[in-house]
Amino acid sequence: MNAGRYASCAQLTRQDPWGRSVSYLAIRILPLGESVAGSATARVGGSEVDRLDLIANRAIGDPMQAWRIADANDAMDPFSLCGVAGAALNLPASQL
């Protein structure tokens, strides 16, 4: 099973004003797309509205790996990747 998007983030804890412990994850720094992109690309659907999870399922075989495509394309907003029909998206290198 592949590690998730936040697997490398440290789990932190702080005390709230009432003395309760609140757990949260440290910020995740996005990698440079060129460091995770392979040489393969996928195309956003030409006529239908496409979703990144559907593209990940078609191209990688796992819709839960859509975040890897977002990382390979330097996407702060993953939804913007599918906004242009026929656009080419970089796929992650075969580190899956």
N, C-alpha and C. Protein backbone atom coordinates (compact mmCIF):
# COMPACT_ATOMS: atom_id res chain seq x y z
N MET A 1 0.84 -1.18 0.00
CA MET A 1 0.00 0.00 0.00
C MET A 1 0.88 1.24 0.00
N ASN A 2 0.49 2.23 -0.76
CA ASN A 2 1.26 3.46 -0.88
C ASN A 2 1.01 4.38 0.31
N ALA A 3 2.04 5.12 0.65
CA ALA A 3 1.89 6.11 1.72
C ALA A 3 0.99 7.23 1.23
N GLY A 4 0.26 7.82 2.12
CA GLY A 4 -0.64 8.90 1.75
C GLY A 4 0.07 10.23 1.60
N ARG A 5 -0.68 11.21 1.19
CA ARG A 5 -0.16 12.54 0.92
C ARG A 5 0.49 13.18 2.14
N TYR A 6 0.01 12.88 3.32
CA TYR A 6 0.52 13.51 4.54
C TYR A 6 1.36 12.56 5.40
N ALA A 7 1.78 11.43 4.84
CA ALA A 7 2.51 10.43 5.61
C ALA A 7 3.82 10.96 6.17
N SER A 8 4.45 11.90 5.49
CA SER A 8 5.74 12.42 5.95
C SER A 8 5.60 13.61 6.90
N CYS A 9 4.38 14.05 7.14
CA CYS A 9 4.15 15.20 8.04
C CYS A 9 4.18 14.75 9.50
N ALA A 10 4.86 15.51 10.30
CA ALA A 10 4.93 15.20 11.73
C ALA A 10 3.59 15.47 12.40
N GLN A 11 3.23 14.62 13.34
CA GLN A 11 2.02 14.86 14.12
C GLN A 11 2.41 15.69 15.34
N LEU A 12 1.76 16.82 15.50
CA LEU A 12 2.06 17.76 16.58
C LEU A 12 0.88 17.85 17.53
N THR A 13 1.13 18.34 18.73
CA THR A 13 0.08 18.50 19.74
C THR A 13 0.27 19.85 20.43
N ARG A 14 -0.84 20.48 20.73
CA ARG A 14 -0.79 21.73 21.49
C ARG A 14 -1.91 21.71 22.51
N GLN A 15 -1.81 22.55 23.51
CA GLN A 15 -2.85 22.68 24.52
C GLN A 15 -3.77 23.83 24.12
N ASP A 16 -5.07 23.62 24.16
CA ASP A 16 -6.00 24.71 23.90
C ASP A 16 -6.20 25.51 25.20
N PRO A 17 -6.90 26.62 25.15
CA PRO A 17 -7.08 27.45 26.35
C PRO A 17 -7.75 26.73 27.52
N TRP A 18 -8.44 25.63 27.28
CA TRP A 18 -9.12 24.88 28.33
C TRP A 18 -8.31 23.70 28.82
N GLY A 19 -7.05 23.59 28.34
CA GLY A 19 -6.16 22.54 28.80
C GLY A 19 -6.27 21.22 28.06
N ARG A 20 -7.09 21.18 27.01
CA ARG A 20 -7.23 19.95 26.23
C ARG A 20 -6.10 19.86 25.20
N SER A 21 -5.65 18.64 24.93
CA SER A 21 -4.65 18.42 23.89
C SER A 21 -5.33 18.37 22.53
N VAL A 22 -4.76 19.12 21.59
CA VAL A 22 -5.27 19.15 20.23
C VAL A 22 -4.15 18.65 19.32
N SER A 23 -4.43 17.57 18.60
CA SER A 23 -3.44 17.01 17.67
C SER A 23 -3.68 17.55 16.28
N TYR A 24 -2.60 17.79 15.55
CA TYR A 24 -2.67 18.26 14.17
C TYR A 24 -1.41 17.87 13.43
N LEU A 25 -1.43 17.99 12.12
CA LEU A 25 -0.27 17.65 11.30
C LEU A 25 0.50 18.91 10.94
N ALA A 26 1.80 18.79 10.91
CA ALA A 26 2.66 19.89 10.47
C ALA A 26 2.36 20.17 9.00
N ILE A 27 2.69 21.36 8.57
CA ILE A 27 2.45 21.76 7.19
C ILE A 27 3.21 20.85 6.22
N ARG A 28 2.58 20.57 5.09
CA ARG A 28 3.22 19.76 4.06
C ARG A 28 3.77 20.70 2.99
N ILE A 29 5.06 20.65 2.79
CA ILE A 29 5.70 21.47 1.76
C ILE A 29 5.60 20.71 0.44
N LEU A 30 5.01 21.36 -0.57
CA LEU A 30 4.87 20.70 -1.87
C LEU A 30 6.22 20.52 -2.53
N PRO A 31 6.47 19.34 -3.10
CA PRO A 31 7.72 19.15 -3.82
C PRO A 31 7.65 19.87 -5.17
N LEU A 32 8.80 20.15 -5.76
CA LEU A 32 8.81 20.69 -7.11
C LEU A 32 8.29 19.62 -8.06
N GLY A 33 7.38 20.01 -8.94
CA GLY A 33 6.78 19.05 -9.86
C GLY A 33 7.80 18.28 -10.67
N GLU A 34 8.85 18.97 -11.09
CA GLU A 34 9.87 18.31 -11.90
C GLU A 34 10.60 17.21 -11.14
N SER A 35 10.57 17.27 -9.81
CA SER A 35 11.25 16.24 -9.02
C SER A 35 10.42 14.97 -8.88
N VAL A 36 9.12 15.04 -9.12
CA VAL A 36 8.28 13.85 -9.00
C VAL A 36 7.66 13.42 -10.33
N ALA A 37 7.74 14.28 -11.34
CA ALA A 37 7.14 13.94 -12.64
C ALA A 37 8.02 12.98 -13.41
N GLY A 38 7.37 12.06 -14.08
CA GLY A 38 8.07 11.16 -14.98
C GLY A 38 7.99 11.72 -16.39
N SER A 39 8.22 10.89 -17.36
CA SER A 39 8.17 11.36 -18.75
C SER A 39 6.80 11.16 -19.38
N ALA A 40 5.89 10.46 -18.69
CA ALA A 40 4.57 10.18 -19.25
C ALA A 40 3.60 11.33 -18.98
N THR A 41 2.63 11.47 -19.85
CA THR A 41 1.58 12.47 -19.65
C THR A 41 0.22 11.81 -19.85
N ALA A 42 -0.81 12.48 -19.35
CA ALA A 42 -2.19 12.05 -19.55
C ALA A 42 -2.94 13.27 -20.06
N ARG A 43 -3.99 13.03 -20.82
CA ARG A 43 -4.80 14.13 -21.36
C ARG A 43 -6.10 14.26 -20.58
N VAL A 44 -6.47 15.51 -20.32
CA VAL A 44 -7.76 15.79 -19.72
C VAL A 44 -8.80 15.53 -20.80
N GLY A 45 -9.93 14.93 -20.43
CA GLY A 45 -10.97 14.59 -21.40
C GLY A 45 -11.34 15.75 -22.31
N GLY A 46 -11.60 15.45 -23.56
CA GLY A 46 -11.87 16.49 -24.54
C GLY A 46 -13.26 17.09 -24.47
N SER A 47 -14.27 16.28 -24.16
CA SER A 47 -15.62 16.82 -24.21
C SER A 47 -16.33 16.78 -22.86
N GLU A 48 -16.03 15.77 -22.06
CA GLU A 48 -16.71 15.65 -20.78
C GLU A 48 -15.95 16.42 -19.70
N VAL A 49 -16.64 16.71 -18.63
CA VAL A 49 -15.97 17.31 -17.49
C VAL A 49 -15.15 16.20 -16.83
N ASP A 50 -13.89 16.43 -16.66
CA ASP A 50 -13.02 15.41 -16.10
C ASP A 50 -12.71 15.75 -14.65
N ARG A 51 -12.37 14.74 -13.89
CA ARG A 51 -11.96 14.92 -12.50
C ARG A 51 -10.60 14.26 -12.33
N LEU A 52 -9.82 14.82 -11.43
CA LEU A 52 -8.47 14.31 -11.24
C LEU A 52 -8.46 12.86 -10.76
N ASP A 53 -9.43 12.47 -9.94
CA ASP A 53 -9.47 11.08 -9.49
C ASP A 53 -9.76 10.13 -10.65
N LEU A 54 -10.58 10.57 -11.61
CA LEU A 54 -10.86 9.73 -12.78
C LEU A 54 -9.63 9.61 -13.68
N ILE A 55 -8.90 10.71 -13.82
CA ILE A 55 -7.66 10.68 -14.61
C ILE A 55 -6.65 9.75 -13.93
N ALA A 56 -6.52 9.84 -12.60
CA ALA A 56 -5.60 8.97 -11.87
C ALA A 56 -5.99 7.51 -12.03
N ASN A 57 -7.27 7.23 -12.01
CA ASN A 57 -7.72 5.85 -12.19
C ASN A 57 -7.37 5.34 -13.58
N ARG A 58 -7.59 6.17 -14.59
CA ARG A 58 -7.25 5.77 -15.97
C ARG A 58 -5.76 5.62 -16.17
N ALA A 59 -4.99 6.59 -15.69
CA ALA A 59 -3.56 6.63 -16.00
C ALA A 59 -2.70 5.79 -15.06
N ILE A 60 -3.06 5.74 -13.78
CA ILE A 60 -2.24 5.06 -12.78
C ILE A 60 -2.89 3.77 -12.30
N GLY A 61 -4.23 3.73 -12.39
CA GLY A 61 -4.94 2.55 -11.92
C GLY A 61 -5.43 2.67 -10.49
N ASP A 62 -5.33 3.86 -9.90
CA ASP A 62 -5.75 4.06 -8.52
C ASP A 62 -6.23 5.50 -8.34
N PRO A 63 -7.53 5.71 -8.16
CA PRO A 63 -8.03 7.08 -8.02
C PRO A 63 -7.51 7.79 -6.76
N MET A 64 -7.08 7.02 -5.77
CA MET A 64 -6.57 7.62 -4.53
C MET A 64 -5.19 8.24 -4.71
N GLN A 65 -4.58 8.06 -5.87
CA GLN A 65 -3.26 8.63 -6.14
C GLN A 65 -3.33 9.93 -6.92
N ALA A 66 -4.51 10.54 -6.98
CA ALA A 66 -4.69 11.81 -7.69
C ALA A 66 -3.76 12.89 -7.15
N TRP A 67 -3.46 12.85 -5.87
CA TRP A 67 -2.57 13.84 -5.28
C TRP A 67 -1.18 13.78 -5.87
N ARG A 68 -0.75 12.61 -6.33
CA ARG A 68 0.57 12.49 -6.96
C ARG A 68 0.60 13.23 -8.29
N ILE A 69 -0.50 13.19 -9.02
CA ILE A 69 -0.59 13.94 -10.28
C ILE A 69 -0.56 15.43 -9.98
N ALA A 70 -1.28 15.84 -8.94
CA ALA A 70 -1.27 17.26 -8.55
C ALA A 70 0.15 17.70 -8.21
N ASP A 71 0.88 16.90 -7.45
CA ASP A 71 2.26 17.23 -7.11
C ASP A 71 3.15 17.32 -8.35
N ALA A 72 2.97 16.40 -9.29
CA ALA A 72 3.79 16.38 -10.50
C ALA A 72 3.53 17.58 -11.40
N ASN A 73 2.42 18.27 -11.17
CA ASN A 73 2.05 19.43 -11.99
C ASN A 73 2.09 20.74 -11.20
N ASP A 74 2.76 20.75 -10.05
CA ASP A 74 2.87 21.95 -9.22
C ASP A 74 1.53 22.60 -8.95
N ALA A 75 0.52 21.80 -8.67
CA ALA A 75 -0.84 22.32 -8.49
C ALA A 75 -1.13 22.63 -7.03
N MET A 76 -1.32 23.90 -6.74
CA MET A 76 -1.80 24.29 -5.42
C MET A 76 -3.30 24.00 -5.33
N ASP A 77 -3.99 24.13 -6.46
CA ASP A 77 -5.42 23.85 -6.55
C ASP A 77 -5.62 22.70 -7.54
N PRO A 78 -5.75 21.46 -7.05
CA PRO A 78 -5.87 20.31 -7.94
C PRO A 78 -7.05 20.41 -8.90
N PHE A 79 -8.12 21.11 -8.52
CA PHE A 79 -9.29 21.22 -9.39
C PHE A 79 -8.97 22.01 -10.65
N SER A 80 -8.00 22.89 -10.58
CA SER A 80 -7.65 23.70 -11.75
C SER A 80 -6.99 22.87 -12.85
N LEU A 81 -6.45 21.71 -12.50
CA LEU A 81 -5.77 20.88 -13.50
C LEU A 81 -6.71 20.36 -14.57
N CYS A 82 -7.96 20.19 -14.23
CA CYS A 82 -8.93 19.60 -15.16
C CYS A 82 -9.82 20.65 -15.81
N GLY A 83 -9.45 21.92 -15.69
CA GLY A 83 -10.28 23.00 -16.20
C GLY A 83 -10.23 23.19 -17.70
N VAL A 84 -9.20 22.68 -18.36
CA VAL A 84 -9.05 22.87 -19.80
C VAL A 84 -9.08 21.52 -20.50
N ALA A 85 -10.10 21.32 -21.32
CA ALA A 85 -10.22 20.05 -22.05
C ALA A 85 -9.03 19.86 -22.98
N GLY A 86 -8.50 18.67 -22.99
CA GLY A 86 -7.38 18.32 -23.87
C GLY A 86 -6.02 18.70 -23.33
N ALA A 87 -5.95 19.34 -22.17
CA ALA A 87 -4.65 19.72 -21.59
C ALA A 87 -3.86 18.47 -21.21
N ALA A 88 -2.54 18.56 -21.33
CA ALA A 88 -1.66 17.45 -20.96
C ALA A 88 -1.22 17.62 -19.52
N LEU A 89 -1.31 16.56 -18.74
CA LEU A 89 -0.86 16.57 -17.35
C LEU A 89 0.34 15.64 -17.21
N ASN A 90 1.35 16.08 -16.48
CA ASN A 90 2.48 15.22 -16.18
C ASN A 90 2.04 14.16 -15.19
N LEU A 91 2.49 12.94 -15.41
CA LEU A 91 2.23 11.86 -14.47
C LEU A 91 3.45 11.65 -13.59
N PRO A 92 3.24 11.18 -12.36
CA PRO A 92 4.39 10.96 -11.48
C PRO A 92 5.27 9.83 -12.00
N ALA A 93 6.54 9.90 -11.63
CA ALA A 93 7.48 8.84 -12.00
C ALA A 93 7.00 7.54 -11.38
N SER A 94 7.48 6.44 -11.88
CA SER A 94 6.99 5.14 -11.43
C SER A 94 7.52 4.79 -10.05
N GLN A 95 7.22 5.64 -9.08
CA GLN A 95 7.59 5.37 -7.69
C GLN A 95 6.37 4.87 -6.93
N LEU A 96 5.32 4.54 -7.64
CA LEU A 96 4.07 4.11 -7.00
C LEU A 96 4.26 2.75 -6.47
